[in-house]
Amino acid sequence: MTVIDWIGFIGVFQILLAYILNVIGKLKKEDLFFILLNVIGASLACLASILMKYIPFIILEAVWVLVSLISLIKYKKIA
C-alpha cells in the first residue's frame, strides 16, 4: 500500500467508526467525538482523493467536511 492508500484508509476508517458507533448507540450525532471523527476522517479521505485526482470523491468528501464543520460550529455555539 502507498502513502496515499494509508491516508485514505485511515480517513475512511474514521468515518465508518463514527457511523458504527452512532448506529449501535455509543455516540450521538451531537457528540464532539462523532463530529471530530467525521471532520478528520473526511478531510483525510478528501486529501487522498485529491492526491489520486479522483474528482467524484473529492466532491463527496469535500461536502462531507463542510457539513461536519457546520456541525462543529453549531457544537461550539452551544457549548
Protein backbone atom coordinates (compact mmCIF):
# COMPACT_ATOMS: atom_id res chain seq x y z
CA MET A 1 0.00 0.00 0.00
CA THR A 2 1.15 3.51 -0.79
CA VAL A 3 1.10 6.54 1.49
CA ILE A 4 -1.99 7.78 -0.40
CA ASP A 5 -3.72 4.45 0.29
CA TRP A 6 -2.93 4.75 4.01
CA ILE A 7 -4.24 8.32 4.18
CA GLY A 8 -7.47 7.25 2.50
CA PHE A 9 -7.77 4.09 4.61
CA ILE A 10 -7.37 5.99 7.89
CA GLY A 11 -9.88 8.63 6.78
CA VAL A 12 -12.50 6.12 5.69
CA PHE A 13 -11.93 4.09 8.86
CA GLN A 14 -12.68 7.16 10.99
CA ILE A 15 -15.88 7.93 9.06
CA LEU A 16 -17.05 4.33 9.36
CA LEU A 17 -16.13 4.19 13.04
CA ALA A 18 -18.24 7.29 13.70
CA TYR A 19 -21.15 5.76 11.79
CA ILE A 20 -20.94 2.38 13.53
CA LEU A 21 -20.65 3.94 16.99
CA ASN A 22 -23.69 6.08 16.21
CA VAL A 23 -25.75 3.14 14.95
CA ILE A 24 -25.00 0.99 17.98
CA GLY A 25 -25.83 3.88 20.30
CA LYS A 26 -22.35 4.59 21.67
CA LEU A 27 -22.16 8.10 20.15
CA LYS A 28 -24.79 10.67 19.32
CA LYS A 29 -24.51 12.81 16.23
CA GLU A 30 -24.21 15.82 18.55
CA ASP A 31 -21.17 14.41 20.40
CA LEU A 32 -17.89 16.22 19.82
CA PHE A 33 -16.05 12.94 19.21
CA PHE A 34 -18.54 11.96 16.49
CA ILE A 35 -18.14 15.34 14.80
CA LEU A 36 -14.34 15.25 15.01
CA LEU A 37 -14.17 11.71 13.62
CA ASN A 38 -16.18 12.92 10.63
CA VAL A 39 -14.22 16.15 10.10
CA ILE A 40 -10.82 14.50 10.34
CA GLY A 41 -11.83 11.33 8.51
CA ALA A 42 -13.48 13.17 5.62
CA SER A 43 -10.51 15.55 5.40
CA LEU A 44 -8.09 12.65 5.11
CA ALA A 45 -10.28 10.85 2.57
CA CYS A 46 -10.59 14.09 0.59
CA LEU A 47 -6.82 14.58 0.66
CA ALA A 48 -6.28 11.04 -0.63
CA SER A 49 -8.83 11.66 -3.40
CA ILE A 50 -7.05 14.89 -4.35
CA LEU A 51 -3.72 13.08 -4.48
CA MET A 52 -5.32 10.40 -6.69
CA LYS A 53 -7.03 13.11 -8.76
CA TYR A 54 -10.39 11.33 -8.45
CA ILE A 55 -12.92 14.15 -8.82
CA PRO A 56 -16.14 12.34 -7.74
CA PHE A 57 -14.71 11.50 -4.33
CA ILE A 58 -13.08 14.90 -3.95
CA ILE A 59 -16.57 16.38 -4.27
CA LEU A 60 -18.13 13.80 -1.93
CA GLU A 61 -15.53 14.16 0.80
CA ALA A 62 -15.33 17.96 0.49
CA VAL A 63 -19.08 18.19 1.06
CA TRP A 64 -18.75 15.76 3.98
CA VAL A 65 -16.06 18.01 5.50
CA LEU A 66 -18.22 21.12 5.05
CA VAL A 67 -21.27 19.52 6.65
CA SER A 68 -19.13 18.24 9.52
CA LEU A 69 -17.57 21.68 10.00
CA ILE A 70 -21.05 23.20 10.19
CA SER A 71 -21.88 20.66 12.92
CA LEU A 72 -18.67 21.61 14.73
CA ILE A 73 -19.54 25.31 14.57
CA LYS A 74 -23.01 24.58 15.94
CA TYR A 75 -21.47 22.49 18.71
CA LYS A 76 -19.12 25.34 19.66
CA LYS A 77 -22.03 27.82 19.80
CA ILE A 78 -23.98 25.55 22.15
CA ALA A 79 -21.01 24.70 24.42
